[in-house]
Amino acid sequence: MALTRLLIVDDHEIFRKGLRSLVESAADLEICGEAANGIEAVAAAKALLPDVIIMDISMPYMSGLDATSRFVRKFLNLGCLSSASTIPRKCWPPLSRQGPRAM
């Protein structure tokens, strides 16, 4: 069975480490990389070609919303799961416009 390759993107290292710890216990998931902001995420996605990106909405340099809009246009089979401690209402419309692959 093929592993689902994940890219974890969050500006908080402790969150990335915690999520990595959880994912590593799953037999069908593999962490292919990590990034700390949207700019790093775009570069990592191009280089690593993950199946799914788990990405924070609010990050420095390039937000998760901006990075997600770049992903869904360039990588047609990529899923993007947005994460945040809270998602402000103003973020809901941009997220929903990205389609079901980017929620």
C-alpha atoms as a PDB file:
ATOM      1  CA  MET A   1       0.000   0.000   0.000  1.00  0.00           C
ATOM      2  CA  ALA A   2       1.338   3.439  -0.944  1.00  0.00           C
ATOM      3  CA  LEU A   3       1.967   5.889   1.870  1.00  0.00           C
ATOM      4  CA  THR A   4       0.243   9.274   1.916  1.00  0.00           C
ATOM      5  CA  ARG A   5       3.006  11.881   1.965  1.00  0.00           C
ATOM      6  CA  LEU A   6       2.401  14.890   4.246  1.00  0.00           C
ATOM      7  CA  LEU A   7       4.031  18.303   4.395  1.00  0.00           C
ATOM      8  CA  ILE A   8       3.560  20.064   7.745  1.00  0.00           C
ATOM      9  CA  VAL A   9       3.575  23.874   7.615  1.00  0.00           C
ATOM     10  CA  ASP A  10       3.335  25.933  10.795  1.00  0.00           C
ATOM     11  CA  ASP A  11       5.400  28.748  12.275  1.00  0.00           C
ATOM     12  CA  HIS A  12       5.342  27.071  15.712  1.00  0.00           C
ATOM     13  CA  GLU A  13       7.978  24.372  15.945  1.00  0.00           C
ATOM     14  CA  ILE A  14       6.272  22.745  18.936  1.00  0.00           C
ATOM     15  CA  PHE A  15       3.111  22.204  16.848  1.00  0.00           C
ATOM     16  CA  ARG A  16       5.120  20.700  13.984  1.00  0.00           C
ATOM     17  CA  LYS A  17       6.921  18.335  16.371  1.00  0.00           C
ATOM     18  CA  GLY A  18       3.669  17.307  18.063  1.00  0.00           C
ATOM     19  CA  LEU A  19       1.922  16.631  14.761  1.00  0.00           C
ATOM     20  CA  ARG A  20       4.960  14.723  13.494  1.00  0.00           C
ATOM     21  CA  SER A  21       4.834  12.556  16.611  1.00  0.00           C
ATOM     22  CA  LEU A  22       1.167  11.738  15.989  1.00  0.00           C
ATOM     23  CA  VAL A  23       1.577  11.067  12.275  1.00  0.00           C
ATOM     24  CA  GLU A  24       4.626   8.830  12.714  1.00  0.00           C
ATOM     25  CA  SER A  25       2.466   6.335  14.589  1.00  0.00           C
ATOM     26  CA  ALA A  26       0.159   5.903  11.557  1.00  0.00           C
ATOM     27  CA  ALA A  27       1.164   3.057   9.263  1.00  0.00           C
ATOM     28  CA  ASP A  28      -0.182   4.676   6.078  1.00  0.00           C
ATOM     29  CA  LEU A  29       1.229   8.210   6.536  1.00  0.00           C
ATOM     30  CA  GLU A  30       4.702   9.610   5.962  1.00  0.00           C
ATOM     31  CA  ILE A  31       6.066  13.080   6.765  1.00  0.00           C
ATOM     32  CA  CYS A  32       8.011  14.168   3.682  1.00  0.00           C
ATOM     33  CA  GLY A  33       8.920  17.597   5.059  1.00  0.00           C
ATOM     34  CA  GLU A  34       8.225  20.629   7.213  1.00  0.00           C
ATOM     35  CA  ALA A  35       8.134  24.363   6.632  1.00  0.00           C
ATOM     36  CA  ALA A  36       7.805  27.351   8.978  1.00  0.00           C
ATOM     37  CA  ASN A  37       6.053  29.836   6.653  1.00  0.00           C
ATOM     38  CA  GLY A  38       4.234  30.108   3.348  1.00  0.00           C
ATOM     39  CA  ILE A  39       7.326  30.909   1.299  1.00  0.00           C
ATOM     40  CA  GLU A  40       9.101  27.798   2.585  1.00  0.00           C
ATOM     41  CA  ALA A  41       5.902  25.806   2.007  1.00  0.00           C
ATOM     42  CA  VAL A  42       5.714  26.746  -1.677  1.00  0.00           C
ATOM     43  CA  ALA A  43       9.364  25.745  -2.203  1.00  0.00           C
ATOM     44  CA  ALA A  44       8.937  22.503  -0.241  1.00  0.00           C
ATOM     45  CA  ALA A  45       5.778  21.550  -2.148  1.00  0.00           C
ATOM     46  CA  LYS A  46       7.583  21.992  -5.467  1.00  0.00           C
ATOM     47  CA  ALA A  47      10.592  19.962  -4.320  1.00  0.00           C
ATOM     48  CA  LEU A  48       8.854  17.222  -2.318  1.00  0.00           C
ATOM     49  CA  LEU A  49       5.501  16.795  -4.124  1.00  0.00           C
ATOM     50  CA  PRO A  50       3.440  15.825  -1.058  1.00  0.00           C
ATOM     51  CA  ASP A  51      -0.044  14.322  -1.322  1.00  0.00           C
ATOM     52  CA  VAL A  52      -1.423  16.518   1.486  1.00  0.00           C
ATOM     53  CA  ILE A  53      -0.268  19.737   3.136  1.00  0.00           C
ATOM     54  CA  ILE A  54      -1.353  20.529   6.685  1.00  0.00           C
ATOM     55  CA  MET A  55      -0.917  24.272   6.923  1.00  0.00           C
ATOM     56  CA  ASP A  56      -1.412  27.018   9.477  1.00  0.00           C
ATOM     57  CA  ILE A  57      -3.519  29.932   8.242  1.00  0.00           C
ATOM     58  CA  SER A  58      -1.601  32.702  10.000  1.00  0.00           C
ATOM     59  CA  MET A  59       2.165  32.733   9.431  1.00  0.00           C
ATOM     60  CA  PRO A  60       4.862  35.324   8.756  1.00  0.00           C
ATOM     61  CA  TYR A  61       6.158  36.251   5.275  1.00  0.00           C
ATOM     62  CA  MET A  62       3.312  34.528   3.380  1.00  0.00           C
ATOM     63  CA  SER A  63       0.049  33.460   4.967  1.00  0.00           C
ATOM     64  CA  GLY A  64      -1.349  29.984   4.703  1.00  0.00           C
ATOM     65  CA  LEU A  65      -4.227  31.422   2.666  1.00  0.00           C
ATOM     66  CA  ASP A  66      -1.863  32.863   0.048  1.00  0.00           C
ATOM     67  CA  ALA A  67       0.243  29.706  -0.093  1.00  0.00           C
ATOM     68  CA  THR A  68      -2.882  27.526  -0.408  1.00  0.00           C
ATOM     69  CA  SER A  69      -4.127  29.538  -3.369  1.00  0.00           C
ATOM     70  CA  ARG A  70      -0.794  28.876  -5.102  1.00  0.00           C
ATOM     71  CA  PHE A  71      -0.910  25.150  -4.325  1.00  0.00           C
ATOM     72  CA  VAL A  72      -4.389  24.414  -5.614  1.00  0.00           C
ATOM     73  CA  ARG A  73      -3.635  26.131  -8.945  1.00  0.00           C
ATOM     74  CA  LYS A  74      -0.310  24.373  -9.540  1.00  0.00           C
ATOM     75  CA  PHE A  75      -0.828  20.924  -8.048  1.00  0.00           C
ATOM     76  CA  LEU A  76      -4.161  19.490  -9.170  1.00  0.00           C
ATOM     77  CA  ASN A  77      -4.041  16.342  -7.016  1.00  0.00           C
ATOM     78  CA  LEU A  78      -2.815  18.028  -3.850  1.00  0.00           C
ATOM     79  CA  GLY A  79      -4.993  18.220  -0.761  1.00  0.00           C
ATOM     80  CA  CYS A  80      -4.479  21.076   1.683  1.00  0.00           C
ATOM     81  CA  LEU A  81      -5.823  20.974   5.230  1.00  0.00           C
ATOM     82  CA  SER A  82      -5.882  24.360   6.967  1.00  0.00           C
ATOM     83  CA  SER A  83      -5.116  24.531  10.665  1.00  0.00           C
ATOM     84  CA  ALA A  84      -5.300  27.329  13.212  1.00  0.00           C
ATOM     85  CA  SER A  85      -6.160  27.813  16.841  1.00  0.00           C
ATOM     86  CA  THR A  86      -9.014  29.978  15.571  1.00  0.00           C
ATOM     87  CA  ILE A  87     -10.021  30.805  12.016  1.00  0.00           C
ATOM     88  CA  PRO A  88     -11.394  34.345  11.743  1.00  0.00           C
ATOM     89  CA  ARG A  89     -14.636  34.728   9.819  1.00  0.00           C
ATOM     90  CA  LYS A  90     -12.861  36.837   7.189  1.00  0.00           C
ATOM     91  CA  CYS A  91     -10.784  33.758   6.260  1.00  0.00           C
ATOM     92  CA  TRP A  92     -13.785  31.508   5.554  1.00  0.00           C
ATOM     93  CA  PRO A  93     -14.650  32.908   2.088  1.00  0.00           C
ATOM     94  CA  PRO A  94     -11.062  32.708   0.761  1.00  0.00           C
ATOM     95  CA  LEU A  95     -10.745  29.162   2.067  1.00  0.00           C
ATOM     96  CA  SER A  96     -14.034  28.038   0.590  1.00  0.00           C
ATOM     97  CA  ARG A  97     -13.108  29.544  -2.801  1.00  0.00           C
ATOM     98  CA  GLN A  98     -10.108  27.196  -2.907  1.00  0.00           C
ATOM     99  CA  GLY A  99     -12.507  24.256  -3.085  1.00  0.00           C
ATOM    100  CA  PRO A 100     -12.836  21.026  -1.139  1.00  0.00           C
ATOM    101  CA  ARG A 101      -9.177  20.138  -1.604  1.00  0.00           C
ATOM    102  CA  ALA A 102      -8.192  23.133   0.523  1.00  0.00           C
ATOM    103  CA  MET A 103     -10.290  23.041   3.667  1.00  0.00           C
END
